[in-house]
N, C-alpha and C. Protein backbone atom coordinates (compact mmCIF):
# COMPACT_ATOMS: atom_id res chain seq x y z
N MET A 1 -13.37 -2.80 -5.88
CA MET A 1 -12.05 -2.92 -5.41
C MET A 1 -12.24 -2.19 -4.21
N LYS A 2 -11.96 -2.59 -3.22
CA LYS A 2 -11.60 -1.67 -1.71
C LYS A 2 -10.00 -1.73 -1.34
N LEU A 3 -9.72 -0.26 -1.66
CA LEU A 3 -8.65 0.31 -1.49
C LEU A 3 -8.08 0.69 0.25
N LEU A 4 -7.39 0.21 0.67
CA LEU A 4 -6.14 1.11 1.62
C LEU A 4 -5.16 1.79 1.30
N ILE A 5 -4.91 3.16 1.46
CA ILE A 5 -3.80 4.01 1.49
C ILE A 5 -3.06 4.22 2.80
N VAL A 6 -2.03 3.80 2.92
CA VAL A 6 -1.50 4.34 4.33
C VAL A 6 -0.37 5.01 4.11
N ASP A 7 -0.53 6.29 4.57
CA ASP A 7 1.08 7.14 4.76
C ASP A 7 0.99 8.26 5.65
N ASP A 8 2.08 8.52 6.48
CA ASP A 8 2.15 9.51 7.23
C ASP A 8 1.92 10.91 6.65
N GLN A 9 2.18 10.93 5.66
CA GLN A 9 1.94 12.39 4.62
C GLN A 9 0.59 12.47 3.97
N LYS A 10 -0.12 13.18 4.79
CA LYS A 10 -1.48 13.54 4.37
C LYS A 10 -1.94 13.85 2.74
N GLY A 11 -0.61 14.74 2.24
CA GLY A 11 -0.73 15.04 0.94
C GLY A 11 -0.69 13.89 0.17
N ILE A 12 -0.03 12.73 0.22
CA ILE A 12 0.05 11.39 -0.58
C ILE A 12 -1.33 10.90 -0.19
N ARG A 13 -2.20 10.78 1.08
CA ARG A 13 -3.20 10.43 0.82
C ARG A 13 -3.94 10.84 0.50
N ARG A 14 -4.17 12.18 0.13
CA ARG A 14 -5.36 12.72 -0.54
C ARG A 14 -5.20 12.40 -2.03
N LEU A 15 -3.68 12.69 -2.46
CA LEU A 15 -3.22 12.53 -3.83
C LEU A 15 -3.80 11.15 -4.64
N LEU A 16 -3.50 9.88 -3.75
CA LEU A 16 -3.79 8.96 -4.00
C LEU A 16 -5.33 8.69 -4.12
N THR A 17 -6.03 9.29 -2.93
CA THR A 17 -7.85 8.59 -2.82
C THR A 17 -7.99 9.30 -4.08
N GLU A 18 -7.67 10.66 -4.36
CA GLU A 18 -8.72 11.31 -5.67
C GLU A 18 -7.75 10.34 -7.01
N VAL A 19 -6.69 10.03 -7.32
CA VAL A 19 -6.28 9.55 -8.42
C VAL A 19 -7.52 8.07 -8.45
N PHE A 20 -7.62 7.08 -7.18
CA PHE A 20 -7.78 6.09 -7.45
C PHE A 20 -9.59 6.10 -6.96
N LEU A 21 -9.87 7.06 -6.93
CA LEU A 21 -11.49 6.93 -7.13
C LEU A 21 -11.95 6.38 -8.36
N GLU A 22 -11.27 6.91 -9.89
CA GLU A 22 -11.78 6.22 -10.53
C GLU A 22 -11.80 4.64 -11.01
N TYR A 23 -11.04 4.20 -10.09
CA TYR A 23 -11.29 2.65 -9.72
C TYR A 23 -12.02 1.98 -9.03
N SER A 24 -12.37 2.94 -7.58
CA SER A 24 -12.93 2.23 -6.53
C SER A 24 -13.70 3.52 -5.72
N ASN A 25 -14.89 2.56 -5.10
CA ASN A 25 -15.56 3.81 -4.38
C ASN A 25 -15.56 3.19 -2.98
N GLU A 26 -14.53 2.56 -2.50
CA GLU A 26 -14.12 1.88 -1.90
C GLU A 26 -13.14 2.52 -1.50
N ILE A 27 -12.64 3.59 -0.56
CA ILE A 27 -11.74 3.22 -0.11
C ILE A 27 -11.22 4.46 1.12
N GLU A 28 -10.01 3.85 2.05
CA GLU A 28 -10.20 4.19 3.23
C GLU A 28 -8.56 4.55 3.24
N VAL A 29 -8.29 5.84 4.27
CA VAL A 29 -6.52 5.78 4.35
C VAL A 29 -6.48 5.78 6.30
N CYS A 30 -5.07 5.87 5.95
CA CYS A 30 -4.59 5.48 7.54
C CYS A 30 -3.45 6.36 7.39
N ALA A 31 -2.99 6.69 8.92
CA ALA A 31 -1.74 7.87 8.86
C ALA A 31 -0.74 7.50 9.50
N ASN A 32 -0.96 5.73 9.92
CA ASN A 32 0.36 4.98 10.31
C ASN A 32 -0.32 3.80 10.22
N GLY A 33 0.96 2.83 10.64
CA GLY A 33 0.42 1.17 10.61
C GLY A 33 -0.25 0.84 11.42
N ILE A 34 -0.34 1.39 13.03
CA ILE A 34 -1.18 0.99 13.46
C ILE A 34 -2.71 1.09 13.47
N GLU A 35 -3.26 2.15 13.34
CA GLU A 35 -4.17 2.38 12.58
C GLU A 35 -4.83 1.40 11.43
N ALA A 36 -3.60 1.26 10.30
CA ALA A 36 -4.11 0.18 9.37
C ALA A 36 -4.04 -0.95 9.90
N LEU A 37 -4.24 -2.01 10.70
CA LEU A 37 -3.62 -2.94 11.53
C LEU A 37 -5.15 -2.88 12.31
N GLU A 38 -5.46 -1.98 12.69
CA GLU A 38 -6.82 -1.70 13.26
C GLU A 38 -8.22 -2.00 12.49
N LEU A 39 -7.90 -1.65 11.35
CA LEU A 39 -9.10 -0.92 10.22
C LEU A 39 -8.92 -2.24 9.39
N ILE A 40 -7.78 -3.26 8.94
CA ILE A 40 -7.81 -4.34 7.50
C ILE A 40 -8.79 -5.35 8.22
N PRO A 41 -9.04 -5.61 9.23
CA PRO A 41 -9.75 -7.05 9.79
C PRO A 41 -11.28 -6.32 9.19
N THR A 42 -11.81 -5.11 9.40
CA THR A 42 -13.46 -5.04 9.14
C THR A 42 -13.26 -4.39 7.92
N PHE A 43 -12.46 -3.59 7.32
CA PHE A 43 -12.27 -3.33 5.72
C PHE A 43 -12.22 -4.37 5.04
N ASN A 44 -11.41 -5.41 5.08
CA ASN A 44 -11.07 -6.49 4.20
C ASN A 44 -10.63 -6.03 2.70
N PRO A 45 -9.31 -4.94 2.64
CA PRO A 45 -9.06 -4.57 1.50
C PRO A 45 -8.90 -5.53 0.43
N ASP A 46 -8.60 -4.82 -0.81
CA ASP A 46 -8.28 -5.74 -2.00
C ASP A 46 -6.96 -5.41 -1.83
N LEU A 47 -6.75 -4.65 -2.27
CA LEU A 47 -5.10 -3.78 -2.28
C LEU A 47 -5.04 -2.77 -1.16
N VAL A 48 -3.70 -2.78 -0.56
CA VAL A 48 -3.12 -2.07 0.21
C VAL A 48 -1.73 -1.37 -0.54
N ILE A 49 -2.05 0.05 -0.12
CA ILE A 49 -0.25 1.10 -0.73
C ILE A 49 -0.23 1.16 0.57
N MET A 50 1.03 1.42 0.59
CA MET A 50 1.77 2.12 1.77
C MET A 50 2.87 2.24 1.70
N ASP A 51 3.23 3.09 2.91
CA ASP A 51 4.60 3.87 3.09
C ASP A 51 5.67 3.05 3.68
N VAL A 52 6.73 3.04 3.41
CA VAL A 52 7.30 2.27 4.61
C VAL A 52 7.71 2.74 5.61
N LYS A 53 8.31 3.79 5.24
CA LYS A 53 8.75 4.56 6.25
C LYS A 53 7.51 5.40 7.51
N MET A 54 7.32 5.25 8.11
CA MET A 54 6.31 5.86 8.83
C MET A 54 6.79 5.44 10.50
N PRO A 55 6.55 6.94 11.51
CA PRO A 55 6.44 6.68 12.58
C PRO A 55 6.23 5.59 13.19
N GLY A 56 6.24 4.98 14.30
CA GLY A 56 5.60 4.13 15.29
C GLY A 56 5.93 3.16 14.56
N MET A 57 5.06 2.36 13.60
CA MET A 57 5.42 1.15 13.14
C MET A 57 5.52 1.09 11.21
N SER A 58 7.06 0.63 10.78
CA SER A 58 6.78 0.43 9.41
C SER A 58 6.01 0.17 8.77
N GLY A 59 5.82 0.11 7.22
CA GLY A 59 4.93 -0.33 6.39
C GLY A 59 5.54 -1.69 6.74
N PHE A 60 6.91 -2.41 6.64
CA PHE A 60 6.96 -3.68 6.41
C PHE A 60 6.65 -4.25 8.21
N ASP A 61 6.70 -3.21 8.94
CA ASP A 61 6.46 -4.33 10.71
C ASP A 61 4.39 -4.30 10.36
N VAL A 62 3.65 -3.63 9.21
CA VAL A 62 2.40 -3.68 9.40
C VAL A 62 2.50 -4.95 8.49
N LEU A 63 3.47 -5.14 7.33
CA LEU A 63 3.10 -6.61 6.42
C LEU A 63 3.41 -7.47 7.09
N LYS A 64 4.17 -7.70 7.99
CA LYS A 64 4.94 -9.20 8.69
C LYS A 64 4.10 -9.20 9.85
N GLU A 65 2.85 -8.80 10.02
CA GLU A 65 2.31 -8.66 10.94
C GLU A 65 1.17 -9.17 10.91
N LEU A 66 0.30 -8.63 9.14
CA LEU A 66 -0.40 -9.50 8.27
C LEU A 66 -0.13 -10.82 7.92
N ARG A 67 1.01 -10.97 7.43
CA ARG A 67 1.83 -12.32 6.92
C ARG A 67 1.67 -13.38 8.01
N GLU A 68 2.00 -12.72 9.32
CA GLU A 68 1.88 -13.77 10.22
C GLU A 68 0.38 -14.24 11.23
N LYS A 69 -0.38 -13.40 10.51
CA LYS A 69 -1.79 -13.57 10.95
C LYS A 69 -2.78 -14.33 9.70
N GLY A 70 -1.67 -14.76 8.98
CA GLY A 70 -2.43 -15.03 7.45
C GLY A 70 -2.76 -14.47 6.37
N ASN A 71 -2.86 -13.01 6.36
CA ASN A 71 -3.79 -12.18 5.57
C ASN A 71 -2.95 -12.20 4.66
N PRO A 72 -3.41 -12.50 3.61
CA PRO A 72 -3.31 -12.68 2.19
C PRO A 72 -3.21 -11.21 1.31
N THR A 73 -3.62 -10.16 1.88
CA THR A 73 -4.05 -8.90 1.07
C THR A 73 -2.54 -8.40 0.18
N GLN A 74 -3.03 -8.32 -0.95
CA GLN A 74 -2.30 -7.65 -2.08
C GLN A 74 -1.62 -6.22 -1.19
N VAL A 75 -0.04 -6.34 -1.68
CA VAL A 75 0.62 -5.17 -0.74
C VAL A 75 1.39 -4.54 -1.92
N VAL A 76 1.42 -3.13 -2.50
CA VAL A 76 1.99 -2.29 -3.06
C VAL A 76 3.08 -1.39 -2.00
N LEU A 77 4.34 -1.19 -1.86
CA LEU A 77 4.67 -1.02 -0.77
C LEU A 77 5.31 0.54 -1.47
N MET A 78 5.81 1.61 -0.76
CA MET A 78 6.03 3.27 -1.63
C MET A 78 7.00 3.65 -0.40
N THR A 79 8.44 3.69 -1.71
CA THR A 79 9.70 4.25 -0.47
C THR A 79 10.42 5.57 -0.96
N ALA A 80 10.97 6.19 -0.26
CA ALA A 80 12.04 7.09 -1.11
C ALA A 80 13.52 6.72 -0.65
N TYR A 81 13.64 5.69 -0.35
CA TYR A 81 14.57 4.53 -0.05
C TYR A 81 15.21 3.60 -1.42
N SER A 82 15.94 3.50 -2.26
CA SER A 82 16.36 2.72 -2.97
C SER A 82 17.41 1.33 -2.42
N ASP A 83 17.00 1.15 -0.81
CA ASP A 83 17.98 0.13 -0.45
C ASP A 83 17.80 -1.49 -0.78
N PRO A 84 18.46 -2.11 -1.73
CA PRO A 84 18.34 -3.49 -1.78
C PRO A 84 17.71 -4.59 -1.13
N ASN A 85 18.25 -4.15 0.25
CA ASN A 85 17.68 -5.12 1.69
C ASN A 85 16.15 -4.74 1.31
N TYR A 86 15.40 -3.33 0.95
CA TYR A 86 13.91 -3.44 1.50
C TYR A 86 13.22 -4.45 -0.09
N LEU A 87 14.20 -4.05 -1.57
CA LEU A 87 13.73 -5.15 -2.36
C LEU A 87 13.48 -6.63 -1.66
N GLU A 88 14.55 -6.61 -1.34
CA GLU A 88 14.62 -8.49 -0.91
C GLU A 88 13.76 -8.34 0.13
N GLN A 89 13.68 -7.77 0.96
CA GLN A 89 12.42 -8.06 2.39
C GLN A 89 11.02 -8.12 1.68
N ALA A 90 10.83 -7.16 0.62
CA ALA A 90 9.65 -7.02 0.47
C ALA A 90 9.30 -8.13 -0.57
N LYS A 91 10.14 -8.82 -1.25
CA LYS A 91 10.03 -10.32 -1.99
C LYS A 91 9.83 -10.91 -1.27
N VAL A 92 10.62 -11.21 0.26
CA VAL A 92 9.92 -12.37 1.02
C VAL A 92 8.70 -12.53 1.59
N LEU A 93 7.99 -11.19 1.62
CA LEU A 93 6.86 -10.74 2.33
C LEU A 93 5.66 -10.77 1.39
N GLY A 94 5.99 -11.45 0.10
CA GLY A 94 4.75 -11.69 -1.15
C GLY A 94 4.77 -10.19 -1.35
N VAL A 95 4.80 -8.67 -1.29
CA VAL A 95 4.67 -7.83 -1.89
C VAL A 95 4.93 -7.85 -3.58
N GLU A 96 3.82 -6.57 -3.99
CA GLU A 96 2.93 -7.22 -5.60
C GLU A 96 4.20 -5.95 -6.13
N ARG A 97 4.38 -4.79 -5.70
CA ARG A 97 5.59 -3.64 -6.46
C ARG A 97 6.04 -2.82 -5.13
N VAL A 98 6.86 -2.62 -5.39
CA VAL A 98 7.76 -1.67 -4.90
C VAL A 98 8.52 -0.46 -5.48
N LEU A 99 7.71 0.57 -4.87
CA LEU A 99 7.58 2.23 -5.64
C LEU A 99 8.30 3.12 -5.05
N LEU A 100 9.21 3.85 -6.13
CA LEU A 100 10.26 4.43 -5.24
C LEU A 100 9.56 6.13 -5.31
N LYS A 101 9.47 7.05 -4.17
CA LYS A 101 8.85 7.86 -4.91
C LYS A 101 10.32 9.15 -4.90
N PRO A 102 9.88 9.90 -5.59
CA PRO A 102 8.37 10.31 -6.11
C PRO A 102 7.78 9.14 -7.31
N PHE A 103 6.99 9.04 -7.17
CA PHE A 103 7.05 8.10 -8.33
C PHE A 103 6.18 8.76 -9.20
N ASP A 104 5.71 8.33 -10.53
CA ASP A 104 4.85 8.38 -11.93
C ASP A 104 3.55 8.09 -11.54
N LEU A 105 2.07 9.17 -11.55
CA LEU A 105 1.23 8.91 -11.13
C LEU A 105 0.74 7.63 -12.21
N ASN A 106 0.97 7.71 -13.20
CA ASN A 106 0.66 7.14 -14.76
C ASN A 106 0.86 5.87 -14.76
N GLU A 107 2.70 5.44 -14.00
CA GLU A 107 2.98 4.48 -13.58
C GLU A 107 2.80 3.60 -12.54
N LEU A 108 2.05 4.62 -11.51
CA LEU A 108 1.47 3.38 -10.31
C LEU A 108 0.44 3.18 -10.90
N LYS A 109 -0.62 3.91 -11.86
CA LYS A 109 -2.11 3.51 -12.13
C LYS A 109 -2.26 2.34 -12.70
N ALA A 110 -1.25 2.19 -13.69
CA ALA A 110 -0.49 1.02 -14.47
C ALA A 110 -0.31 -0.69 -13.54
N HIS A 111 0.45 -0.02 -12.54
CA HIS A 111 0.69 -0.99 -11.90
C HIS A 111 -0.38 -1.67 -11.20
N ILE A 112 -1.44 -0.42 -10.39
CA ILE A 112 -2.67 -1.20 -10.02
C ILE A 112 -3.64 -1.77 -10.71
N ARG A 113 -3.61 -1.14 -12.31
CA ARG A 113 -4.66 -1.49 -12.93
C ARG A 113 -4.07 -3.28 -13.38
N GLN A 114 -2.89 -3.45 -13.71
CA GLN A 114 -2.06 -4.74 -14.14
C GLN A 114 -2.51 -6.05 -12.71
N ILE A 115 -2.50 -5.17 -11.47
CA ILE A 115 -2.64 -6.16 -10.13
C ILE A 115 -3.62 -6.77 -9.84
N MET A 116 -4.70 -5.51 -10.11
CA MET A 116 -6.32 -5.65 -9.72
C MET A 116 -6.93 -6.73 -11.10
N ASN A 117 -6.07 -6.38 -11.83
CA ASN A 117 -6.63 -6.94 -13.18
C ASN A 117 -8.19 -6.05 -13.89
N ILE A 118 -7.66 -4.80 -14.08
CA ILE A 118 -8.22 -3.60 -14.43
C ILE A 118 -8.64 -3.20 -15.22
N GLU A 119 -9.35 -3.22 -16.45
CA GLU A 119 -9.02 -2.94 -18.01
C GLU A 119 -9.14 -1.24 -18.07
N GLN A 120 -8.30 -0.94 -18.64
CA GLN A 120 -8.41 0.27 -18.97
C GLN A 120 -9.90 1.15 -19.47
C-alpha cells in the first residue's frame, strides 16, 4: 500500500509515518496541499491521510482539485473542528472517513485496515 500523509504539523506527520510503517513501506509526507498536489501524480498513492486546516491550501481544496482532475484516490480527512458543513462537504467529495483530532491511534488504524482491506 502506498500512503501519503499531508499535515502541516511535523509531529503528526512523524507519528503517522511510524504508525503506518506496519502496513506500508511506501510512505510519503507533505507539509501542505501544494506539495501534495505536486507529488500525487508521480507517487500515485492508494490512500491519502490529510488534515483539513493547513496554511495556503486546505485539505478540501486539495481534494476538490483531485476530483476535478478525475483522481479517485481514497482520502481520509483529519480535523479538529466538528463542523457539520465539513462532514457534508466531505461526503460530497467522496471522502472515506473524517476523523476528529485528537484521534485514537487504534481507531485510525482500524479505519485504515478496513478501507484498504488489510487483515489484522
